[in-house]
Each structure stands twice: as structure tokens, then as C-alpha cells.
């Protein structure tokens, strides 16, 4: 009997990476007008941003339903294995609820973890789960550790544009126009499972400094998974940020893992965002 890890595509893990990691990927559906795609399966992150930039309307994403989870849980447990499912925050989607509903039919063999996060934050929790599986921990132990450790995950990002927040109705047109004219860069974070504004600055340099200040305040636990991320078709801004934030990493790590943001968060923030996610130091 083994322990298998399942994660949804809001983690920005795509099909190819899921295969390399040895996890099962549940893709979220993304619809551009009348055409529907499976995130990370037949729609890559690059293809998503190509379409997003060209589209006049925001795409629609839809949560994974209980039946889809049930089918996958049935397949994964057929050989007697246990399953740990890591999902997008329950405060951002009904996907967690769908997974919990489906798990009830499997007599305690399926453990569903609400990551209270998304994108890189959700990915980090998945990577931590994989580490514990490799260490020979039991499914119950891993489930308990994940539900404790998830509260230490920090995700902070500087947005490159307000255009997509306006399109999605998150801010009004006047606010967006003023923000763009003044080069205001909002800094957002995921707190208690929800996306919240944690600061704003004028220009990239000041916003990067603000981001660094917030990261320093929390402190990165380098013994746990961590990384940086970007949205869009090129990562010039991320490379600049890594250079400007060298004091965060120097002498503490030989490698800074870089990840591309996918459709679930990318739909709302658009291209040009950069961010950091990590486990904060234990208090």
C-alpha cells in the first residue's frame, strides 16, 4: 500500500511536471468564449497568457465537481493506496468542498487538505507533502502536518497592471486609470485563504522594496520549500527582482526556484506580476 498525492491545477503544476513529480493533477477548466480547455493539460501557461492578452473579455474558470474527484479517487485507491488531496483555498473556490464530498465515499482512505492558498503557495504545500511521503510518514501524520504547516505559508506579489482587476470588476475604471497613470503597483498577499491588498507603491523599485520588507518581516524558512514566480510571456521583471533582493538569498541558498503563474490566478492579475512564496519562520 502506498500514499498518493493529488493536487489541482490552481497550484500552477502542469501535466508534464505532475508526471515528473509523481503526483496526480486535477485540471481546472478554463473557457475563452465558446472554447473550453483543461488547465495545464491542453492549455499551457504560455498559451494561456497568449490568449489572455489577445482576448477582450476575461476567461471563465470553473471548479472541479465532486464526480470528477470521485472518479480519480476510485482509480487511485483501487490498489489499496491512500490519497492526500491538496486543493485551492476554500475561500477562493468550491473545489475543496467538491473534493471533501467525494472523499466521504472512500472509508477514510482519502485525506483532503484545504491549502488556504493558491498558485505557488499551494504548490509549496504539495512539495512538502511529497517530502513527507519520501520520509515514510503515514497518511494521517502527513495530513496533520500539512494542516498545521499551511498556516506558515506566505505568498506576496507585486502586480504589473490594474487592467485585469478592472476587467474582473475588482476595482472601478477610474481607480484603474489613475493607478496606471501614476504607475501605482499594488502589493497583494494571501491571508487566511483570501487575496488581500497589503500595500502599494509608485514604480517598480519602490514596490520591490516594499515586497522585500514584507518578506524580511516574516523570515524565510530555508529548510522548507520556497520559490519566486512571475506572470506573462517573459520574466525580465522577475530577474530584476531577484537581483535587487539578493540580500534575501545570499549565503542561504544556491538556487532560487522560479515558477510561472498559470490561469487560475493569472486570469485576475494579468501579465507582469512577480511574487515570492515561502514558509515563514516558526514563531
C-alpha atoms as a PDB file:
ATOM      1  CA  UNK A   1       0.000   0.000   0.000  1.00  0.00           C
ATOM      2  CA  UNK A   2       1.307   3.440  -0.911  1.00  0.00           C
ATOM      3  CA  UNK A   3       0.386   7.075  -0.373  1.00  0.00           C
ATOM      4  CA  UNK A   4      -0.514   9.054  -3.480  1.00  0.00           C
ATOM      5  CA  UNK A   5      -0.635  12.828  -3.778  1.00  0.00           C
ATOM      6  CA  UNK A   6      -3.283  14.634  -5.829  1.00  0.00           C
ATOM      7  CA  UNK A   7      -3.317  18.380  -6.484  1.00  0.00           C
ATOM      8  CA  UNK A   8      -5.455  20.701  -8.598  1.00  0.00           C
ATOM      9  CA  UNK A   9      -4.025  22.908 -11.336  1.00  0.00           C
ATOM     10  CA  UNK A  10      -4.531  26.098  -9.317  1.00  0.00           C
ATOM     11  CA  UNK A  11      -1.107  25.121  -7.948  1.00  0.00           C
ATOM     12  CA  UNK A  12       0.309  26.013 -11.411  1.00  0.00           C
ATOM     13  CA  UNK A  13       1.694  22.474 -11.663  1.00  0.00           C
ATOM     14  CA  UNK A  14       1.027  21.307 -15.219  1.00  0.00           C
ATOM     15  CA  UNK A  15       0.635  17.803 -16.627  1.00  0.00           C
ATOM     16  CA  UNK A  16       4.304  17.298 -17.528  1.00  0.00           C
ATOM     17  CA  UNK A  17       5.561  18.464 -14.149  1.00  0.00           C
ATOM     18  CA  UNK A  18       2.951  16.381 -12.324  1.00  0.00           C
ATOM     19  CA  UNK A  19       4.288  13.313 -14.118  1.00  0.00           C
ATOM     20  CA  UNK A  20       7.871  14.169 -13.123  1.00  0.00           C
ATOM     21  CA  UNK A  21       6.874  14.741  -9.511  1.00  0.00           C
ATOM     22  CA  UNK A  22       4.738  11.616  -9.365  1.00  0.00           C
ATOM     23  CA  UNK A  23       1.507  13.410  -8.434  1.00  0.00           C
ATOM     24  CA  UNK A  24      -1.962  13.244  -9.942  1.00  0.00           C
ATOM     25  CA  UNK A  25      -3.136  16.531 -11.455  1.00  0.00           C
ATOM     26  CA  UNK A  26      -6.792  17.571 -11.424  1.00  0.00           C
ATOM     27  CA  UNK A  27      -7.147  20.285 -14.094  1.00  0.00           C
ATOM     28  CA  UNK A  28      -9.458  23.249 -13.614  1.00  0.00           C
ATOM     29  CA  UNK A  29     -11.459  24.140 -16.714  1.00  0.00           C
ATOM     30  CA  UNK A  30     -10.742  27.456 -18.448  1.00  0.00           C
ATOM     31  CA  UNK A  31     -13.144  28.862 -21.030  1.00  0.00           C
ATOM     32  CA  UNK A  32     -12.293  31.509 -23.614  1.00  0.00           C
ATOM     33  CA  UNK A  33     -15.605  32.469 -25.228  1.00  0.00           C
ATOM     34  CA  UNK A  34     -17.016  29.204 -26.602  1.00  0.00           C
ATOM     35  CA  UNK A  35     -13.902  27.026 -26.236  1.00  0.00           C
ATOM     36  CA  UNK A  36     -13.040  25.154 -23.054  1.00  0.00           C
ATOM     37  CA  UNK A  37      -9.572  23.960 -22.039  1.00  0.00           C
ATOM     38  CA  UNK A  38      -8.077  21.838 -19.274  1.00  0.00           C
ATOM     39  CA  UNK A  39      -5.581  23.982 -17.390  1.00  0.00           C
ATOM     40  CA  UNK A  40      -2.079  22.554 -17.640  1.00  0.00           C
ATOM     41  CA  UNK A  41      -3.178  19.709 -19.894  1.00  0.00           C
ATOM     42  CA  UNK A  42      -4.191  21.128 -23.266  1.00  0.00           C
ATOM     43  CA  UNK A  43      -3.578  24.746 -22.262  1.00  0.00           C
ATOM     44  CA  UNK A  44      -0.041  25.609 -21.163  1.00  0.00           C
ATOM     45  CA  UNK A  45       0.732  28.675 -19.064  1.00  0.00           C
ATOM     46  CA  UNK A  46       2.322  30.356 -22.085  1.00  0.00           C
ATOM     47  CA  UNK A  47      -0.684  29.570 -24.294  1.00  0.00           C
ATOM     48  CA  UNK A  48      -2.970  30.926 -21.584  1.00  0.00           C
ATOM     49  CA  UNK A  49      -1.221  34.316 -21.491  1.00  0.00           C
ATOM     50  CA  UNK A  50      -1.134  34.449 -25.295  1.00  0.00           C
ATOM     51  CA  UNK A  51      -4.910  34.093 -25.310  1.00  0.00           C
ATOM     52  CA  UNK A  52      -5.458  36.379 -22.298  1.00  0.00           C
ATOM     53  CA  UNK A  53      -3.546  39.266 -23.884  1.00  0.00           C
ATOM     54  CA  UNK A  54      -5.462  38.893 -27.152  1.00  0.00           C
ATOM     55  CA  UNK A  55      -8.910  38.495 -25.562  1.00  0.00           C
ATOM     56  CA  UNK A  56     -11.212  41.460 -24.970  1.00  0.00           C
ATOM     57  CA  UNK A  57     -13.011  39.517 -22.238  1.00  0.00           C
ATOM     58  CA  UNK A  58     -11.686  37.643 -19.243  1.00  0.00           C
ATOM     59  CA  UNK A  59     -11.816  33.860 -19.492  1.00  0.00           C
ATOM     60  CA  UNK A  60     -14.021  31.904 -17.102  1.00  0.00           C
ATOM     61  CA  UNK A  61     -12.685  29.246 -14.769  1.00  0.00           C
ATOM     62  CA  UNK A  62     -14.864  26.541 -13.228  1.00  0.00           C
ATOM     63  CA  UNK A  63     -14.310  24.458 -10.112  1.00  0.00           C
ATOM     64  CA  UNK A  64     -13.790  20.704 -10.261  1.00  0.00           C
ATOM     65  CA  UNK A  65     -17.005  18.900  -9.386  1.00  0.00           C
ATOM     66  CA  UNK A  66     -17.428  16.009  -6.873  1.00  0.00           C
ATOM     67  CA  UNK A  67     -17.968  13.400  -9.599  1.00  0.00           C
ATOM     68  CA  UNK A  68     -14.608  14.211 -11.218  1.00  0.00           C
ATOM     69  CA  UNK A  69     -12.857  13.829  -7.864  1.00  0.00           C
ATOM     70  CA  UNK A  70     -14.753  10.630  -7.126  1.00  0.00           C
ATOM     71  CA  UNK A  71     -13.598   9.013 -10.364  1.00  0.00           C
ATOM     72  CA  UNK A  72      -9.972   9.916  -9.653  1.00  0.00           C
ATOM     73  CA  UNK A  73     -10.119   8.802  -6.013  1.00  0.00           C
ATOM     74  CA  UNK A  74     -11.606   5.487  -7.129  1.00  0.00           C
ATOM     75  CA  UNK A  75      -8.772   4.935  -9.591  1.00  0.00           C
ATOM     76  CA  UNK A  76      -6.057   5.885  -7.122  1.00  0.00           C
ATOM     77  CA  UNK A  77      -7.365   3.760  -4.231  1.00  0.00           C
ATOM     78  CA  UNK A  78      -8.134   0.669  -6.347  1.00  0.00           C
ATOM     79  CA  UNK A  79      -4.822  -0.960  -5.305  1.00  0.00           C
ATOM     80  CA  UNK A  80      -5.389  -0.194  -1.608  1.00  0.00           C
ATOM     81  CA  UNK A  81      -3.456   3.069  -1.622  1.00  0.00           C
ATOM     82  CA  UNK A  82      -4.320   6.114   0.462  1.00  0.00           C
ATOM     83  CA  UNK A  83      -4.681   9.544  -1.141  1.00  0.00           C
ATOM     84  CA  UNK A  84      -3.805  13.020   0.092  1.00  0.00           C
ATOM     85  CA  UNK A  85      -5.512  15.704  -1.990  1.00  0.00           C
ATOM     86  CA  UNK A  86      -4.256  19.293  -1.795  1.00  0.00           C
ATOM     87  CA  UNK A  87      -6.710  21.876  -3.108  1.00  0.00           C
ATOM     88  CA  UNK A  88      -7.071  25.547  -3.875  1.00  0.00           C
ATOM     89  CA  UNK A  89      -8.242  27.685  -0.933  1.00  0.00           C
ATOM     90  CA  UNK A  90     -11.856  27.043   0.030  1.00  0.00           C
ATOM     91  CA  UNK A  91     -12.308  30.829   0.218  1.00  0.00           C
ATOM     92  CA  UNK A  92     -11.427  31.231  -3.469  1.00  0.00           C
ATOM     93  CA  UNK A  93     -13.275  28.265  -4.977  1.00  0.00           C
ATOM     94  CA  UNK A  94     -15.693  25.421  -4.243  1.00  0.00           C
ATOM     95  CA  UNK A  95     -13.075  22.867  -5.360  1.00  0.00           C
ATOM     96  CA  UNK A  96     -12.167  21.920  -1.772  1.00  0.00           C
ATOM     97  CA  UNK A  97     -15.821  21.281  -0.941  1.00  0.00           C
ATOM     98  CA  UNK A  98     -16.160  19.088  -4.040  1.00  0.00           C
ATOM     99  CA  UNK A  99     -13.139  17.020  -3.007  1.00  0.00           C
ATOM    100  CA  UNK A 100     -14.440  16.642   0.568  1.00  0.00           C
ATOM    101  CA  UNK A 101     -17.820  15.496  -0.719  1.00  0.00           C
ATOM    102  CA  UNK A 102     -16.209  12.878  -2.956  1.00  0.00           C
ATOM    103  CA  UNK A 103     -13.817  11.688  -0.226  1.00  0.00           C
ATOM    104  CA  UNK A 104     -16.691  10.604   2.044  1.00  0.00           C
ATOM    105  CA  UNK A 105     -17.229   7.512  -0.118  1.00  0.00           C
ATOM    106  CA  UNK A 106     -13.748   6.092   0.471  1.00  0.00           C
ATOM    107  CA  UNK A 107     -13.795   4.954   4.107  1.00  0.00           C
ATOM    108  CA  UNK A 108     -11.059   7.198   5.404  1.00  0.00           C
ATOM    109  CA  UNK A 109      -8.585   6.382   2.619  1.00  0.00           C
ATOM    110  CA  UNK A 110      -8.735   9.905   1.151  1.00  0.00           C
ATOM    111  CA  UNK A 111      -7.491  12.919   3.093  1.00  0.00           C
ATOM    112  CA  UNK A 112      -8.390  16.355   1.688  1.00  0.00           C
ATOM    113  CA  UNK A 113      -6.312  19.387   2.665  1.00  0.00           C
ATOM    114  CA  UNK A 114      -7.574  22.928   2.125  1.00  0.00           C
ATOM    115  CA  UNK A 115      -4.311  24.705   1.270  1.00  0.00           C
ATOM    116  CA  UNK A 116      -5.825  28.115   2.140  1.00  0.00           C
ATOM    117  CA  UNK A 117      -3.635  29.239  -0.723  1.00  0.00           C
ATOM    118  CA  UNK A 118      -3.211  29.211  -4.499  1.00  0.00           C
ATOM    119  CA  UNK A 119      -0.534  29.256  -7.178  1.00  0.00           C
ATOM    120  CA  UNK A 120       2.959  28.905  -5.711  1.00  0.00           C
ATOM    121  CA  UNK A 121       1.629  28.761  -2.145  1.00  0.00           C
ATOM    122  CA  UNK A 122      -0.440  25.682  -2.978  1.00  0.00           C
ATOM    123  CA  UNK A 123       2.487  24.155  -4.869  1.00  0.00           C
ATOM    124  CA  UNK A 124       4.766  24.502  -1.833  1.00  0.00           C
ATOM    125  CA  UNK A 125       2.306  22.577   0.327  1.00  0.00           C
ATOM    126  CA  UNK A 126       2.210  19.837  -2.313  1.00  0.00           C
ATOM    127  CA  UNK A 127       6.030  19.682  -2.388  1.00  0.00           C
ATOM    128  CA  UNK A 128       6.091  19.396   1.405  1.00  0.00           C
ATOM    129  CA  UNK A 129       3.610  16.502   1.186  1.00  0.00           C
ATOM    130  CA  UNK A 130       5.862  14.718  -1.313  1.00  0.00           C
ATOM    131  CA  UNK A 131       8.846  15.174   1.014  1.00  0.00           C
ATOM    132  CA  UNK A 132       6.967  13.551   3.881  1.00  0.00           C
ATOM    133  CA  UNK A 133       5.873  10.638   1.689  1.00  0.00           C
ATOM    134  CA  UNK A 134       9.529  10.020   0.786  1.00  0.00           C
ATOM    135  CA  UNK A 135      10.373  10.054   4.512  1.00  0.00           C
ATOM    136  CA  UNK A 136       7.943   7.190   5.128  1.00  0.00           C
ATOM    137  CA  UNK A 137       5.392   9.160   7.141  1.00  0.00           C
ATOM    138  CA  UNK A 138       1.852   7.770   7.416  1.00  0.00           C
ATOM    139  CA  UNK A 139      -1.068   9.412   5.610  1.00  0.00           C
ATOM    140  CA  UNK A 140      -2.578  10.585   8.907  1.00  0.00           C
ATOM    141  CA  UNK A 141       0.721  12.084  10.000  1.00  0.00           C
ATOM    142  CA  UNK A 142       1.149  13.884   6.680  1.00  0.00           C
ATOM    143  CA  UNK A 143      -2.432  15.163   6.791  1.00  0.00           C
ATOM    144  CA  UNK A 144      -1.886  16.588  10.275  1.00  0.00           C
ATOM    145  CA  UNK A 145       1.458  18.176   9.381  1.00  0.00           C
ATOM    146  CA  UNK A 146       0.023  19.804   6.250  1.00  0.00           C
ATOM    147  CA  UNK A 147      -2.909  21.303   8.132  1.00  0.00           C
ATOM    148  CA  UNK A 148      -0.513  22.761  10.668  1.00  0.00           C
ATOM    149  CA  UNK A 149       2.213  23.939   8.275  1.00  0.00           C
ATOM    150  CA  UNK A 150      -0.154  25.567   5.776  1.00  0.00           C
ATOM    151  CA  UNK A 151      -0.679  28.486   8.165  1.00  0.00           C
ATOM    152  CA  UNK A 152       3.012  29.340   7.835  1.00  0.00           C
ATOM    153  CA  UNK A 153       2.915  29.698   4.042  1.00  0.00           C
ATOM    154  CA  UNK A 154       3.270  33.277   2.832  1.00  0.00           C
ATOM    155  CA  UNK A 155       2.528  34.413  -0.704  1.00  0.00           C
ATOM    156  CA  UNK A 156       3.299  38.018  -1.640  1.00  0.00           C
ATOM    157  CA  UNK A 157       3.214  39.572  -5.105  1.00  0.00           C
ATOM    158  CA  UNK A 158       3.595  42.888  -6.931  1.00  0.00           C
ATOM    159  CA  UNK A 159       1.062  43.340  -9.728  1.00  0.00           C
ATOM    160  CA  UNK A 160       2.263  44.772 -13.033  1.00  0.00           C
ATOM    161  CA  UNK A 161      -1.102  46.173 -14.116  1.00  0.00           C
ATOM    162  CA  UNK A 162      -4.554  47.030 -12.752  1.00  0.00           C
ATOM    163  CA  UNK A 163      -6.223  46.308 -16.101  1.00  0.00           C
ATOM    164  CA  UNK A 164      -7.341  42.773 -15.285  1.00  0.00           C
ATOM    165  CA  UNK A 165      -8.642  43.626 -11.829  1.00  0.00           C
ATOM    166  CA  UNK A 166     -10.791  46.248 -13.569  1.00  0.00           C
ATOM    167  CA  UNK A 167     -11.972  43.733 -16.181  1.00  0.00           C
ATOM    168  CA  UNK A 168     -12.953  41.340 -13.436  1.00  0.00           C
ATOM    169  CA  UNK A 169     -14.892  44.005 -11.547  1.00  0.00           C
ATOM    170  CA  UNK A 170     -12.494  44.016  -8.594  1.00  0.00           C
ATOM    171  CA  UNK A 171     -11.830  47.760  -8.950  1.00  0.00           C
ATOM    172  CA  UNK A 172     -13.577  50.510 -10.892  1.00  0.00           C
ATOM    173  CA  UNK A 173     -12.355  52.075 -14.136  1.00  0.00           C
ATOM    174  CA  UNK A 174     -11.387  55.399 -12.540  1.00  0.00           C
ATOM    175  CA  UNK A 175      -9.233  53.713  -9.900  1.00  0.00           C
ATOM    176  CA  UNK A 176      -7.565  51.577 -12.558  1.00  0.00           C
ATOM    177  CA  UNK A 177      -6.913  54.557 -14.857  1.00  0.00           C
ATOM    178  CA  UNK A 178      -5.488  56.670 -12.037  1.00  0.00           C
ATOM    179  CA  UNK A 179      -3.343  53.796 -10.840  1.00  0.00           C
ATOM    180  CA  UNK A 180      -1.915  53.183 -14.298  1.00  0.00           C
ATOM    181  CA  UNK A 181      -1.229  56.879 -14.852  1.00  0.00           C
ATOM    182  CA  UNK A 182       0.622  57.160 -11.538  1.00  0.00           C
ATOM    183  CA  UNK A 183       2.424  53.807 -12.028  1.00  0.00           C
ATOM    184  CA  UNK A 184       0.928  52.546  -8.775  1.00  0.00           C
ATOM    185  CA  UNK A 185       1.959  48.964  -8.110  1.00  0.00           C
ATOM    186  CA  UNK A 186      -0.308  47.118  -5.677  1.00  0.00           C
ATOM    187  CA  UNK A 187       1.290  44.502  -3.429  1.00  0.00           C
ATOM    188  CA  UNK A 188      -1.074  41.666  -2.627  1.00  0.00           C
ATOM    189  CA  UNK A 189      -0.855  38.638  -0.385  1.00  0.00           C
ATOM    190  CA  UNK A 190      -2.929  35.623   0.542  1.00  0.00           C
ATOM    191  CA  UNK A 191      -4.103  35.913   4.126  1.00  0.00           C
ATOM    192  CA  UNK A 192      -6.407  33.379   5.768  1.00  0.00           C
ATOM    193  CA  UNK A 193      -7.130  31.922   2.347  1.00  0.00           C
ATOM    194  CA  UNK A 194      -8.123  35.178   0.649  1.00  0.00           C
ATOM    195  CA  UNK A 195      -6.314  37.611  -1.643  1.00  0.00           C
ATOM    196  CA  UNK A 196      -5.826  40.941   0.106  1.00  0.00           C
ATOM    197  CA  UNK A 197      -4.096  44.234  -0.632  1.00  0.00           C
ATOM    198  CA  UNK A 198      -1.150  44.545   1.747  1.00  0.00           C
ATOM    199  CA  UNK A 199       0.462  47.690   0.353  1.00  0.00           C
ATOM    200  CA  UNK A 200       1.087  49.855  -2.692  1.00  0.00           C
ATOM    201  CA  UNK A 201       3.942  51.898  -4.056  1.00  0.00           C
ATOM    202  CA  UNK A 202       4.714  54.115  -7.025  1.00  0.00           C
ATOM    203  CA  UNK A 203       7.044  52.463  -9.517  1.00  0.00           C
ATOM    204  CA  UNK A 204       8.751  49.097  -9.688  1.00  0.00           C
ATOM    205  CA  UNK A 205      11.730  49.958  -7.471  1.00  0.00           C
ATOM    206  CA  UNK A 206       9.620  51.127  -4.527  1.00  0.00           C
ATOM    207  CA  UNK A 207       7.189  48.233  -4.905  1.00  0.00           C
ATOM    208  CA  UNK A 208      10.087  45.748  -4.949  1.00  0.00           C
ATOM    209  CA  UNK A 209      11.490  47.382  -1.810  1.00  0.00           C
ATOM    210  CA  UNK A 210       8.088  47.091  -0.156  1.00  0.00           C
ATOM    211  CA  UNK A 211       7.877  43.435  -1.143  1.00  0.00           C
ATOM    212  CA  UNK A 212      11.349  42.770   0.284  1.00  0.00           C
ATOM    213  CA  UNK A 213      10.408  44.486   3.528  1.00  0.00           C
ATOM    214  CA  UNK A 214       7.361  42.253   3.923  1.00  0.00           C
ATOM    215  CA  UNK A 215       9.400  39.115   3.190  1.00  0.00           C
ATOM    216  CA  UNK A 216      12.071  40.114   5.715  1.00  0.00           C
ATOM    217  CA  UNK A 217       9.437  40.737   8.350  1.00  0.00           C
ATOM    218  CA  UNK A 218       8.184  37.154   8.054  1.00  0.00           C
ATOM    219  CA  UNK A 219      11.573  35.492   7.506  1.00  0.00           C
ATOM    220  CA  UNK A 220      12.072  32.631   5.057  1.00  0.00           C
ATOM    221  CA  UNK A 221      12.445  29.116   6.459  1.00  0.00           C
ATOM    222  CA  UNK A 222      15.028  27.784   4.007  1.00  0.00           C
ATOM    223  CA  UNK A 223      14.613  24.239   5.338  1.00  0.00           C
ATOM    224  CA  UNK A 224      11.174  24.161   3.669  1.00  0.00           C
ATOM    225  CA  UNK A 225      10.120  24.577   0.003  1.00  0.00           C
ATOM    226  CA  UNK A 226      10.195  28.159  -1.336  1.00  0.00           C
ATOM    227  CA  UNK A 227      10.368  29.982  -4.659  1.00  0.00           C
ATOM    228  CA  UNK A 228       9.622  33.024  -6.779  1.00  0.00           C
ATOM    229  CA  UNK A 229       7.068  33.421  -9.563  1.00  0.00           C
ATOM    230  CA  UNK A 230       6.069  35.571 -12.494  1.00  0.00           C
ATOM    231  CA  UNK A 231       3.093  36.023 -14.825  1.00  0.00           C
ATOM    232  CA  UNK A 232       3.125  36.741 -18.549  1.00  0.00           C
ATOM    233  CA  UNK A 233       5.241  35.802 -21.541  1.00  0.00           C
ATOM    234  CA  UNK A 234       8.640  36.893 -20.229  1.00  0.00           C
ATOM    235  CA  UNK A 235      10.320  37.115 -16.851  1.00  0.00           C
ATOM    236  CA  UNK A 236      12.551  40.198 -17.140  1.00  0.00           C
ATOM    237  CA  UNK A 237      10.917  41.824 -14.121  1.00  0.00           C
ATOM    238  CA  UNK A 238      11.452  38.707 -12.042  1.00  0.00           C
ATOM    239  CA  UNK A 239      15.157  38.566 -12.936  1.00  0.00           C
ATOM    240  CA  UNK A 240      15.475  42.212 -11.908  1.00  0.00           C
ATOM    241  CA  UNK A 241      13.688  41.495  -8.649  1.00  0.00           C
ATOM    242  CA  UNK A 242      15.997  38.563  -7.849  1.00  0.00           C
ATOM    243  CA  UNK A 243      18.990  40.818  -8.471  1.00  0.00           C
ATOM    244  CA  UNK A 244      17.552  43.600  -6.299  1.00  0.00           C
ATOM    245  CA  UNK A 245      16.635  41.207  -3.484  1.00  0.00           C
ATOM    246  CA  UNK A 246      19.976  39.384  -3.327  1.00  0.00           C
ATOM    247  CA  UNK A 247      20.285  40.050   0.409  1.00  0.00           C
ATOM    248  CA  UNK A 248      17.310  37.737   0.993  1.00  0.00           C
ATOM    249  CA  UNK A 249      19.075  34.780  -0.607  1.00  0.00           C
ATOM    250  CA  UNK A 250      22.844  35.363  -0.382  1.00  0.00           C
ATOM    251  CA  UNK A 251      24.576  32.745   1.733  1.00  0.00           C
ATOM    252  CA  UNK A 252      21.309  30.920   2.379  1.00  0.00           C
ATOM    253  CA  UNK A 253      20.605  29.089  -0.870  1.00  0.00           C
ATOM    254  CA  UNK A 254      22.462  28.147  -4.038  1.00  0.00           C
ATOM    255  CA  UNK A 255      19.277  28.101  -6.101  1.00  0.00           C
ATOM    256  CA  UNK A 256      16.076  30.140  -6.212  1.00  0.00           C
ATOM    257  CA  UNK A 257      13.327  28.038  -7.837  1.00  0.00           C
ATOM    258  CA  UNK A 258      11.366  30.057 -10.417  1.00  0.00           C
ATOM    259  CA  UNK A 259       7.800  29.236 -11.445  1.00  0.00           C
ATOM    260  CA  UNK A 260       5.348  30.636 -13.959  1.00  0.00           C
ATOM    261  CA  UNK A 261       1.869  31.636 -12.787  1.00  0.00           C
ATOM    262  CA  UNK A 262      -0.962  29.884 -14.606  1.00  0.00           C
ATOM    263  CA  UNK A 263      -4.588  30.562 -15.411  1.00  0.00           C
ATOM    264  CA  UNK A 264      -6.336  30.465 -12.019  1.00  0.00           C
ATOM    265  CA  UNK A 265      -4.525  33.484 -10.585  1.00  0.00           C
ATOM    266  CA  UNK A 266      -3.325  34.807 -13.960  1.00  0.00           C
ATOM    267  CA  UNK A 267      -6.914  35.470 -15.049  1.00  0.00           C
ATOM    268  CA  UNK A 268      -7.282  38.086 -12.305  1.00  0.00           C
ATOM    269  CA  UNK A 269      -3.824  39.664 -12.182  1.00  0.00           C
ATOM    270  CA  UNK A 270      -2.755  39.514 -15.826  1.00  0.00           C
ATOM    271  CA  UNK A 271       0.867  39.621 -17.029  1.00  0.00           C
ATOM    272  CA  UNK A 272       3.738  41.500 -15.407  1.00  0.00           C
ATOM    273  CA  UNK A 273       3.318  40.263 -11.831  1.00  0.00           C
ATOM    274  CA  UNK A 274       6.174  38.941  -9.716  1.00  0.00           C
ATOM    275  CA  UNK A 275       5.987  37.248  -6.348  1.00  0.00           C
ATOM    276  CA  UNK A 276       7.548  35.214  -3.593  1.00  0.00           C
ATOM    277  CA  UNK A 277       6.151  32.299  -1.599  1.00  0.00           C
ATOM    278  CA  UNK A 278       7.732  30.522   1.345  1.00  0.00           C
ATOM    279  CA  UNK A 279       7.136  29.042   4.786  1.00  0.00           C
ATOM    280  CA  UNK A 280       7.633  31.758   7.373  1.00  0.00           C
ATOM    281  CA  UNK A 281       9.969  31.105  10.276  1.00  0.00           C
ATOM    282  CA  UNK A 282       8.254  29.377  13.220  1.00  0.00           C
ATOM    283  CA  UNK A 283       7.065  31.874  15.794  1.00  0.00           C
END
